[in-house]
Amino acid sequence: MYQKEEIKQFLKEKGVEHTWFDHAPVYTIEEMMALGLEKEEDIAKNLFLRDAKGKRHFLVVIREDKRADLKSLGEMIGAGRLSFASEERLEKYLGLKKGSVTPLGILNDENRAVEVIFDEDFRTAGTIGVHPNDNTASVFLAFSDLEKIVREHGNEVRFLSL
């Protein structure tokens, strides 16, 4: 299970350049923004969603200043009605707690069951800020490195204009 220290070690072993910030726990994007770290680069807002039947799960990664329209997103990806997944599902699929949702949680998805959807805006992003599977730290790394980590793990990755 990849937790905060394992993520730090993983990035080091992979040679991924990054900047690490430890901070008080944050649970919302507003609390994250209050830390003032957005001066570093883009901060990701991460949504862990499920379809109506609970068969498909999605990690949607958008810029902190955007809102996701779950109805249109569900239509775009052919999943029908989407809703936020429960804390139990978050723990089961990504090994994460509420407030710690991050694309790096994919490393805990042993069955590669979670589909990752990145906002098209990130294709041209330089650096992105995400939690290292714990909401008491933030790590900033090249978006291309983050995408590579997710793809190499084997999860489906898509880009959509959100």
N, C-alpha and C. Protein backbone atom coordinates (compact mmCIF):
# COMPACT_ATOMS: atom_id res chain seq x y z
N MET A 1 0.85 -1.19 0.00
CA MET A 1 0.00 0.00 0.00
C MET A 1 0.89 1.24 0.00
N TYR A 2 0.63 2.11 -0.96
CA TYR A 2 1.39 3.35 -1.05
C TYR A 2 0.75 4.41 -0.18
N GLN A 3 1.47 4.80 0.88
CA GLN A 3 1.05 5.90 1.71
C GLN A 3 2.06 7.02 1.52
N LYS A 4 1.99 8.04 2.33
CA LYS A 4 2.80 9.24 2.15
C LYS A 4 4.29 8.94 2.00
N GLU A 5 4.87 8.21 2.91
CA GLU A 5 6.31 7.94 2.86
C GLU A 5 6.68 7.04 1.68
N GLU A 6 5.78 6.10 1.34
CA GLU A 6 6.03 5.22 0.19
C GLU A 6 5.99 6.01 -1.12
N ILE A 7 5.13 7.02 -1.18
CA ILE A 7 5.07 7.88 -2.37
C ILE A 7 6.38 8.67 -2.49
N LYS A 8 6.85 9.20 -1.37
CA LYS A 8 8.11 9.95 -1.38
C LYS A 8 9.24 9.06 -1.90
N GLN A 9 9.30 7.84 -1.42
CA GLN A 9 10.33 6.88 -1.85
C GLN A 9 10.15 6.50 -3.32
N PHE A 10 8.91 6.28 -3.73
CA PHE A 10 8.60 5.92 -5.12
C PHE A 10 9.10 7.00 -6.08
N LEU A 11 8.80 8.26 -5.77
CA LEU A 11 9.22 9.36 -6.63
C LEU A 11 10.75 9.44 -6.69
N LYS A 12 11.38 9.25 -5.56
CA LYS A 12 12.85 9.27 -5.52
C LYS A 12 13.43 8.14 -6.37
N GLU A 13 12.91 6.92 -6.20
CA GLU A 13 13.41 5.77 -6.95
C GLU A 13 13.20 5.92 -8.45
N LYS A 14 12.08 6.53 -8.84
CA LYS A 14 11.77 6.75 -10.26
C LYS A 14 12.53 7.94 -10.84
N GLY A 15 13.20 8.70 -9.98
CA GLY A 15 13.93 9.88 -10.45
C GLY A 15 13.02 11.00 -10.90
N VAL A 16 11.83 11.07 -10.33
CA VAL A 16 10.86 12.10 -10.69
C VAL A 16 11.18 13.38 -9.92
N GLU A 17 11.49 14.44 -10.65
CA GLU A 17 11.73 15.73 -9.99
C GLU A 17 10.43 16.23 -9.40
N HIS A 18 10.50 16.70 -8.17
CA HIS A 18 9.30 17.18 -7.50
C HIS A 18 9.68 18.11 -6.35
N THR A 19 8.69 18.87 -5.92
CA THR A 19 8.82 19.71 -4.74
C THR A 19 7.77 19.24 -3.75
N TRP A 20 8.19 19.06 -2.51
CA TRP A 20 7.34 18.49 -1.47
C TRP A 20 7.06 19.54 -0.41
N PHE A 21 5.79 19.66 -0.01
CA PHE A 21 5.40 20.57 1.06
C PHE A 21 4.60 19.79 2.10
N ASP A 22 5.06 19.77 3.33
CA ASP A 22 4.26 19.23 4.43
C ASP A 22 3.42 20.39 4.98
N HIS A 23 2.20 20.09 5.39
CA HIS A 23 1.31 21.14 5.91
C HIS A 23 0.24 20.50 6.80
N ALA A 24 -0.55 21.35 7.42
CA ALA A 24 -1.68 20.86 8.23
C ALA A 24 -2.66 20.13 7.32
N PRO A 25 -3.45 19.21 7.85
CA PRO A 25 -4.42 18.50 7.02
C PRO A 25 -5.40 19.46 6.36
N VAL A 26 -5.71 19.20 5.08
CA VAL A 26 -6.71 19.97 4.35
C VAL A 26 -7.75 19.00 3.79
N TYR A 27 -9.00 19.42 3.79
CA TYR A 27 -10.09 18.54 3.35
C TYR A 27 -10.85 19.06 2.16
N THR A 28 -10.65 20.33 1.82
CA THR A 28 -11.36 20.91 0.68
C THR A 28 -10.38 21.68 -0.18
N ILE A 29 -10.79 21.98 -1.40
CA ILE A 29 -9.94 22.76 -2.29
C ILE A 29 -9.75 24.17 -1.72
N GLU A 30 -10.78 24.67 -1.00
CA GLU A 30 -10.66 26.00 -0.39
C GLU A 30 -9.57 26.01 0.68
N GLU A 31 -9.52 24.97 1.51
CA GLU A 31 -8.47 24.88 2.52
C GLU A 31 -7.10 24.74 1.86
N MET A 32 -7.06 24.01 0.77
CA MET A 32 -5.80 23.83 0.03
C MET A 32 -5.33 25.18 -0.52
N MET A 33 -6.25 25.93 -1.10
CA MET A 33 -5.89 27.23 -1.68
C MET A 33 -5.42 28.20 -0.60
N ALA A 34 -5.98 28.09 0.59
CA ALA A 34 -5.60 28.98 1.69
C ALA A 34 -4.14 28.79 2.10
N LEU A 35 -3.55 27.65 1.75
CA LEU A 35 -2.13 27.42 2.07
C LEU A 35 -1.20 28.28 1.22
N GLY A 36 -1.72 28.78 0.09
CA GLY A 36 -0.91 29.63 -0.78
C GLY A 36 0.04 28.86 -1.68
N LEU A 37 -0.12 27.57 -1.81
CA LEU A 37 0.79 26.76 -2.63
C LEU A 37 0.50 26.87 -4.11
N GLU A 38 -0.67 27.42 -4.48
CA GLU A 38 -1.00 27.50 -5.89
C GLU A 38 -0.04 28.39 -6.66
N LYS A 39 0.75 29.17 -5.92
CA LYS A 39 1.76 29.99 -6.59
C LYS A 39 2.79 29.09 -7.27
N GLU A 40 2.87 27.85 -6.81
CA GLU A 40 3.80 26.89 -7.41
C GLU A 40 3.38 26.56 -8.85
N GLU A 41 2.16 26.20 -9.05
CA GLU A 41 1.60 25.86 -10.37
C GLU A 41 0.14 25.49 -10.20
N ASP A 42 -0.37 24.66 -11.09
CA ASP A 42 -1.77 24.23 -11.01
C ASP A 42 -1.97 23.28 -9.84
N ILE A 43 -3.08 23.45 -9.17
CA ILE A 43 -3.50 22.53 -8.12
C ILE A 43 -4.62 21.68 -8.71
N ALA A 44 -4.55 20.38 -8.49
CA ALA A 44 -5.58 19.49 -9.01
C ALA A 44 -6.73 19.34 -8.02
N LYS A 45 -7.94 19.36 -8.55
CA LYS A 45 -9.13 19.01 -7.79
C LYS A 45 -9.48 17.60 -8.26
N ASN A 46 -9.63 16.67 -7.33
CA ASN A 46 -9.82 15.27 -7.67
C ASN A 46 -11.17 14.77 -7.18
N LEU A 47 -11.92 14.14 -8.07
CA LEU A 47 -13.24 13.63 -7.75
C LEU A 47 -13.25 12.12 -7.96
N PHE A 48 -13.63 11.38 -6.94
CA PHE A 48 -13.75 9.93 -7.07
C PHE A 48 -15.22 9.60 -7.23
N LEU A 49 -15.59 9.11 -8.42
CA LEU A 49 -16.98 8.93 -8.80
C LEU A 49 -17.29 7.48 -9.15
N ARG A 50 -18.57 7.18 -9.18
CA ARG A 50 -19.02 5.84 -9.58
C ARG A 50 -20.25 5.99 -10.46
N ASP A 51 -20.51 4.96 -11.26
CA ASP A 51 -21.73 4.98 -12.04
C ASP A 51 -22.90 4.53 -11.16
N ALA A 52 -24.12 4.60 -11.70
CA ALA A 52 -25.32 4.31 -10.90
C ALA A 52 -25.35 2.88 -10.38
N LYS A 53 -24.78 1.96 -11.13
CA LYS A 53 -24.78 0.55 -10.71
C LYS A 53 -23.60 0.21 -9.79
N GLY A 54 -22.65 1.12 -9.66
CA GLY A 54 -21.48 0.86 -8.82
C GLY A 54 -20.50 -0.11 -9.46
N LYS A 55 -20.58 -0.28 -10.77
CA LYS A 55 -19.70 -1.21 -11.48
C LYS A 55 -18.44 -0.51 -12.00
N ARG A 56 -18.57 0.77 -12.36
CA ARG A 56 -17.42 1.52 -12.89
C ARG A 56 -17.08 2.65 -11.93
N HIS A 57 -15.78 2.88 -11.77
CA HIS A 57 -15.28 3.93 -10.89
C HIS A 57 -14.34 4.83 -11.66
N PHE A 58 -14.39 6.10 -11.34
CA PHE A 58 -13.63 7.09 -12.09
C PHE A 58 -12.91 8.05 -11.14
N LEU A 59 -11.69 8.38 -11.49
CA LEU A 59 -10.97 9.43 -10.80
C LEU A 59 -10.87 10.57 -11.80
N VAL A 60 -11.57 11.65 -11.53
CA VAL A 60 -11.61 12.80 -12.43
C VAL A 60 -10.72 13.88 -11.83
N VAL A 61 -9.78 14.35 -12.66
CA VAL A 61 -8.79 15.33 -12.21
C VAL A 61 -8.98 16.60 -13.03
N ILE A 62 -9.40 17.68 -12.33
CA ILE A 62 -9.63 18.96 -12.99
C ILE A 62 -8.86 20.05 -12.26
N ARG A 63 -8.76 21.20 -12.93
CA ARG A 63 -8.11 22.35 -12.29
C ARG A 63 -8.95 22.83 -11.12
N GLU A 64 -8.28 23.39 -10.15
CA GLU A 64 -8.96 23.81 -8.91
C GLU A 64 -10.03 24.85 -9.15
N ASP A 65 -9.96 25.59 -10.24
CA ASP A 65 -10.91 26.67 -10.50
C ASP A 65 -12.11 26.22 -11.34
N LYS A 66 -12.22 24.93 -11.59
CA LYS A 66 -13.32 24.43 -12.42
C LYS A 66 -14.32 23.64 -11.58
N ARG A 67 -15.53 23.53 -12.14
CA ARG A 67 -16.57 22.69 -11.53
C ARG A 67 -16.90 21.61 -12.54
N ALA A 68 -17.10 20.41 -12.07
CA ALA A 68 -17.44 19.30 -12.95
C ALA A 68 -18.96 19.15 -13.02
N ASP A 69 -19.49 19.07 -14.22
CA ASP A 69 -20.91 18.80 -14.44
C ASP A 69 -21.04 17.28 -14.55
N LEU A 70 -21.46 16.64 -13.47
CA LEU A 70 -21.51 15.17 -13.42
C LEU A 70 -22.47 14.59 -14.46
N LYS A 71 -23.55 15.30 -14.76
CA LYS A 71 -24.51 14.79 -15.74
C LYS A 71 -23.87 14.73 -17.13
N SER A 72 -23.26 15.84 -17.56
CA SER A 72 -22.65 15.83 -18.90
C SER A 72 -21.42 14.93 -18.94
N LEU A 73 -20.67 14.85 -17.85
CA LEU A 73 -19.51 13.96 -17.80
C LEU A 73 -19.96 12.51 -17.96
N GLY A 74 -21.01 12.12 -17.25
CA GLY A 74 -21.54 10.76 -17.37
C GLY A 74 -21.94 10.43 -18.80
N GLU A 75 -22.54 11.41 -19.47
CA GLU A 75 -22.94 11.22 -20.87
C GLU A 75 -21.70 11.09 -21.77
N MET A 76 -20.69 11.95 -21.55
CA MET A 76 -19.48 11.93 -22.38
C MET A 76 -18.75 10.59 -22.33
N ILE A 77 -18.76 9.97 -21.16
CA ILE A 77 -18.00 8.72 -21.00
C ILE A 77 -18.87 7.48 -21.10
N GLY A 78 -20.14 7.67 -21.41
CA GLY A 78 -21.03 6.54 -21.58
C GLY A 78 -21.31 5.77 -20.30
N ALA A 79 -21.31 6.48 -19.18
CA ALA A 79 -21.51 5.82 -17.89
C ALA A 79 -22.86 6.14 -17.27
N GLY A 80 -23.67 6.94 -17.94
CA GLY A 80 -24.96 7.31 -17.36
C GLY A 80 -24.77 8.25 -16.18
N ARG A 81 -25.65 8.09 -15.21
CA ARG A 81 -25.63 8.98 -14.04
C ARG A 81 -24.43 8.67 -13.15
N LEU A 82 -23.68 9.71 -12.81
CA LEU A 82 -22.52 9.57 -11.92
C LEU A 82 -22.84 10.18 -10.56
N SER A 83 -22.20 9.64 -9.54
CA SER A 83 -22.30 10.23 -8.21
C SER A 83 -20.97 10.02 -7.49
N PHE A 84 -20.80 10.73 -6.40
CA PHE A 84 -19.58 10.57 -5.62
C PHE A 84 -19.58 9.19 -4.98
N ALA A 85 -18.45 8.53 -5.03
CA ALA A 85 -18.31 7.21 -4.41
C ALA A 85 -18.18 7.39 -2.90
N SER A 86 -18.57 6.38 -2.17
CA SER A 86 -18.52 6.41 -0.72
C SER A 86 -17.08 6.34 -0.21
N GLU A 87 -16.92 6.69 1.07
CA GLU A 87 -15.60 6.58 1.69
C GLU A 87 -15.13 5.12 1.69
N GLU A 88 -16.06 4.19 1.81
CA GLU A 88 -15.70 2.77 1.78
C GLU A 88 -15.14 2.38 0.42
N ARG A 89 -15.75 2.87 -0.63
CA ARG A 89 -15.25 2.58 -1.99
C ARG A 89 -13.89 3.25 -2.21
N LEU A 90 -13.74 4.46 -1.71
CA LEU A 90 -12.47 5.17 -1.83
C LEU A 90 -11.36 4.36 -1.18
N GLU A 91 -11.63 3.82 -0.02
CA GLU A 91 -10.65 2.99 0.70
C GLU A 91 -10.40 1.69 -0.06
N LYS A 92 -11.46 1.07 -0.54
CA LYS A 92 -11.34 -0.22 -1.23
C LYS A 92 -10.54 -0.11 -2.53
N TYR A 93 -10.84 0.89 -3.35
CA TYR A 93 -10.25 0.98 -4.67
C TYR A 93 -8.91 1.73 -4.71
N LEU A 94 -8.78 2.78 -3.89
CA LEU A 94 -7.57 3.60 -3.95
C LEU A 94 -6.77 3.61 -2.66
N GLY A 95 -7.29 2.97 -1.61
CA GLY A 95 -6.58 2.95 -0.34
C GLY A 95 -6.43 4.32 0.29
N LEU A 96 -7.41 5.19 0.02
CA LEU A 96 -7.33 6.58 0.48
C LEU A 96 -8.46 6.91 1.44
N LYS A 97 -8.23 7.97 2.21
CA LYS A 97 -9.23 8.52 3.12
C LYS A 97 -9.82 9.78 2.50
N LYS A 98 -11.00 10.16 2.95
CA LYS A 98 -11.63 11.39 2.50
C LYS A 98 -10.67 12.56 2.68
N GLY A 99 -10.58 13.41 1.68
CA GLY A 99 -9.70 14.57 1.74
C GLY A 99 -8.32 14.31 1.18
N SER A 100 -8.03 13.06 0.85
CA SER A 100 -6.70 12.70 0.35
C SER A 100 -6.74 12.19 -1.09
N VAL A 101 -7.84 12.40 -1.80
CA VAL A 101 -7.97 11.88 -3.15
C VAL A 101 -6.92 12.51 -4.06
N THR A 102 -6.26 11.66 -4.84
CA THR A 102 -5.15 12.08 -5.68
C THR A 102 -4.92 11.06 -6.78
N PRO A 103 -4.39 11.49 -7.92
CA PRO A 103 -4.05 10.52 -8.96
C PRO A 103 -2.99 9.51 -8.50
N LEU A 104 -2.20 9.86 -7.51
CA LEU A 104 -1.19 8.92 -7.01
C LEU A 104 -1.83 7.75 -6.26
N GLY A 105 -3.10 7.89 -5.89
CA GLY A 105 -3.83 6.79 -5.27
C GLY A 105 -3.98 5.61 -6.21
N ILE A 106 -3.86 5.87 -7.49
CA ILE A 106 -3.95 4.80 -8.51
C ILE A 106 -2.92 3.71 -8.22
N LEU A 107 -1.80 4.07 -7.61
CA LEU A 107 -0.77 3.07 -7.30
C LEU A 107 -1.30 2.00 -6.35
N ASN A 108 -2.39 2.30 -5.64
CA ASN A 108 -3.00 1.32 -4.73
C ASN A 108 -4.12 0.51 -5.40
N ASP A 109 -4.41 0.81 -6.64
CA ASP A 109 -5.48 0.13 -7.38
C ASP A 109 -4.90 -1.11 -8.05
N GLU A 110 -4.78 -2.17 -7.27
CA GLU A 110 -4.14 -3.39 -7.76
C GLU A 110 -4.87 -4.03 -8.93
N ASN A 111 -6.18 -3.85 -9.02
CA ASN A 111 -6.96 -4.45 -10.11
C ASN A 111 -7.11 -3.54 -11.32
N ARG A 112 -6.52 -2.35 -11.23
CA ARG A 112 -6.60 -1.37 -12.32
C ARG A 112 -8.06 -1.14 -12.73
N ALA A 113 -8.92 -1.04 -11.73
CA ALA A 113 -10.36 -0.92 -11.96
C ALA A 113 -10.81 0.53 -12.14
N VAL A 114 -10.03 1.47 -11.67
CA VAL A 114 -10.44 2.88 -11.71
C VAL A 114 -9.98 3.51 -13.02
N GLU A 115 -10.93 4.13 -13.70
CA GLU A 115 -10.63 4.85 -14.94
C GLU A 115 -10.26 6.29 -14.58
N VAL A 116 -9.16 6.77 -15.14
CA VAL A 116 -8.67 8.10 -14.81
C VAL A 116 -9.01 9.05 -15.96
N ILE A 117 -9.64 10.16 -15.59
CA ILE A 117 -10.01 11.17 -16.58
C ILE A 117 -9.35 12.48 -16.18
N PHE A 118 -8.44 12.94 -17.04
CA PHE A 118 -7.78 14.22 -16.83
C PHE A 118 -8.47 15.28 -17.68
N ASP A 119 -8.61 16.46 -17.12
CA ASP A 119 -9.11 17.60 -17.89
C ASP A 119 -8.10 17.89 -18.99
N GLU A 120 -8.61 18.15 -20.17
CA GLU A 120 -7.79 18.46 -21.34
C GLU A 120 -6.79 19.58 -21.04
N ASP A 121 -7.15 20.50 -20.15
CA ASP A 121 -6.27 21.63 -19.79
C ASP A 121 -4.90 21.15 -19.31
N PHE A 122 -4.84 19.98 -18.71
CA PHE A 122 -3.58 19.52 -18.16
C PHE A 122 -2.58 19.07 -19.22
N ARG A 123 -3.05 18.79 -20.44
CA ARG A 123 -2.13 18.35 -21.51
C ARG A 123 -0.99 19.34 -21.71
N THR A 124 -1.30 20.62 -21.52
CA THR A 124 -0.29 21.66 -21.73
C THR A 124 0.25 22.22 -20.42
N ALA A 125 -0.13 21.60 -19.32
CA ALA A 125 0.32 22.09 -18.01
C ALA A 125 1.79 21.74 -17.79
N GLY A 126 2.47 22.59 -17.08
CA GLY A 126 3.84 22.30 -16.70
C GLY A 126 3.84 21.45 -15.45
N THR A 127 3.64 22.11 -14.32
CA THR A 127 3.68 21.44 -13.03
C THR A 127 2.29 21.38 -12.43
N ILE A 128 2.01 20.29 -11.73
CA ILE A 128 0.71 20.10 -11.10
C ILE A 128 0.93 19.72 -9.64
N GLY A 129 0.05 20.19 -8.77
CA GLY A 129 0.13 19.86 -7.35
C GLY A 129 -0.93 18.87 -6.96
N VAL A 130 -0.51 17.79 -6.30
CA VAL A 130 -1.44 16.75 -5.83
C VAL A 130 -1.00 16.31 -4.44
N HIS A 131 -1.90 15.63 -3.74
CA HIS A 131 -1.52 15.04 -2.45
C HIS A 131 -0.75 13.74 -2.70
N PRO A 132 0.19 13.42 -1.84
CA PRO A 132 0.90 12.14 -1.93
C PRO A 132 0.18 11.05 -1.12
N ASN A 133 -1.10 10.85 -1.44
CA ASN A 133 -1.96 9.87 -0.77
C ASN A 133 -2.22 10.21 0.69
N ASP A 134 -2.05 11.45 1.04
CA ASP A 134 -2.24 11.93 2.41
C ASP A 134 -2.47 13.43 2.33
N ASN A 135 -3.47 13.93 3.04
CA ASN A 135 -3.79 15.36 2.94
C ASN A 135 -2.96 16.24 3.87
N THR A 136 -1.86 15.71 4.40
CA THR A 136 -0.95 16.52 5.22
C THR A 136 0.30 16.91 4.45
N ALA A 137 0.25 16.74 3.13
CA ALA A 137 1.38 17.14 2.28
C ALA A 137 0.87 17.35 0.87
N SER A 138 1.64 18.10 0.10
CA SER A 138 1.37 18.30 -1.32
C SER A 138 2.68 18.13 -2.06
N VAL A 139 2.60 17.54 -3.23
CA VAL A 139 3.78 17.33 -4.04
C VAL A 139 3.50 17.93 -5.42
N PHE A 140 4.48 18.68 -5.91
CA PHE A 140 4.37 19.32 -7.22
C PHE A 140 5.35 18.63 -8.15
N LEU A 141 4.83 18.16 -9.29
CA LEU A 141 5.66 17.45 -10.26
C LEU A 141 5.17 17.78 -11.66
N ALA A 142 5.97 17.47 -12.65
CA ALA A 142 5.56 17.71 -14.03
C ALA A 142 4.33 16.88 -14.33
N PHE A 143 3.34 17.50 -14.98
CA PHE A 143 2.15 16.74 -15.31
C PHE A 143 2.51 15.53 -16.17
N SER A 144 3.46 15.68 -17.07
CA SER A 144 3.86 14.55 -17.92
C SER A 144 4.36 13.38 -17.09
N ASP A 145 5.04 13.65 -15.98
CA ASP A 145 5.50 12.57 -15.09
C ASP A 145 4.32 11.90 -14.40
N LEU A 146 3.36 12.70 -13.96
CA LEU A 146 2.17 12.15 -13.30
C LEU A 146 1.40 11.26 -14.27
N GLU A 147 1.19 11.74 -15.48
CA GLU A 147 0.48 10.94 -16.48
C GLU A 147 1.22 9.63 -16.74
N LYS A 148 2.52 9.71 -16.85
CA LYS A 148 3.34 8.51 -17.10
C LYS A 148 3.20 7.50 -15.96
N ILE A 149 3.20 7.98 -14.72
CA ILE A 149 3.04 7.10 -13.55
C ILE A 149 1.72 6.34 -13.64
N VAL A 150 0.64 7.06 -13.96
CA VAL A 150 -0.69 6.44 -14.03
C VAL A 150 -0.74 5.44 -15.19
N ARG A 151 -0.23 5.84 -16.35
CA ARG A 151 -0.26 4.95 -17.51
C ARG A 151 0.59 3.70 -17.27
N GLU A 152 1.78 3.87 -16.69
CA GLU A 152 2.65 2.72 -16.44
C GLU A 152 2.04 1.75 -15.44
N HIS A 153 1.21 2.27 -14.54
CA HIS A 153 0.54 1.40 -13.58
C HIS A 153 -0.50 0.52 -14.27
N GLY A 154 -1.02 1.01 -15.40
CA GLY A 154 -1.94 0.19 -16.18
C GLY A 154 -3.39 0.60 -16.14
N ASN A 155 -3.70 1.71 -15.51
CA ASN A 155 -5.08 2.20 -15.48
C ASN A 155 -5.41 2.90 -16.80
N GLU A 156 -6.67 2.80 -17.18
CA GLU A 156 -7.13 3.51 -18.38
C GLU A 156 -7.06 5.01 -18.12
N VAL A 157 -6.53 5.75 -19.10
CA VAL A 157 -6.41 7.21 -18.98
C VAL A 157 -7.09 7.85 -20.17
N ARG A 158 -7.91 8.87 -19.89
CA ARG A 158 -8.55 9.64 -20.94
C ARG A 158 -8.42 11.12 -20.62
N PHE A 159 -8.45 11.91 -21.69
CA PHE A 159 -8.49 13.37 -21.55
C PHE A 159 -9.82 13.85 -22.11
N LEU A 160 -10.50 14.71 -21.37
CA LEU A 160 -11.76 15.30 -21.82
C LEU A 160 -11.77 16.78 -21.52
N SER A 161 -12.48 17.55 -22.34
CA SER A 161 -12.65 18.97 -22.04
C SER A 161 -13.77 19.08 -21.02
N LEU A 162 -13.39 19.45 -19.81
CA LEU A 162 -14.36 19.52 -18.72
C LEU A 162 -14.63 20.94 -18.31
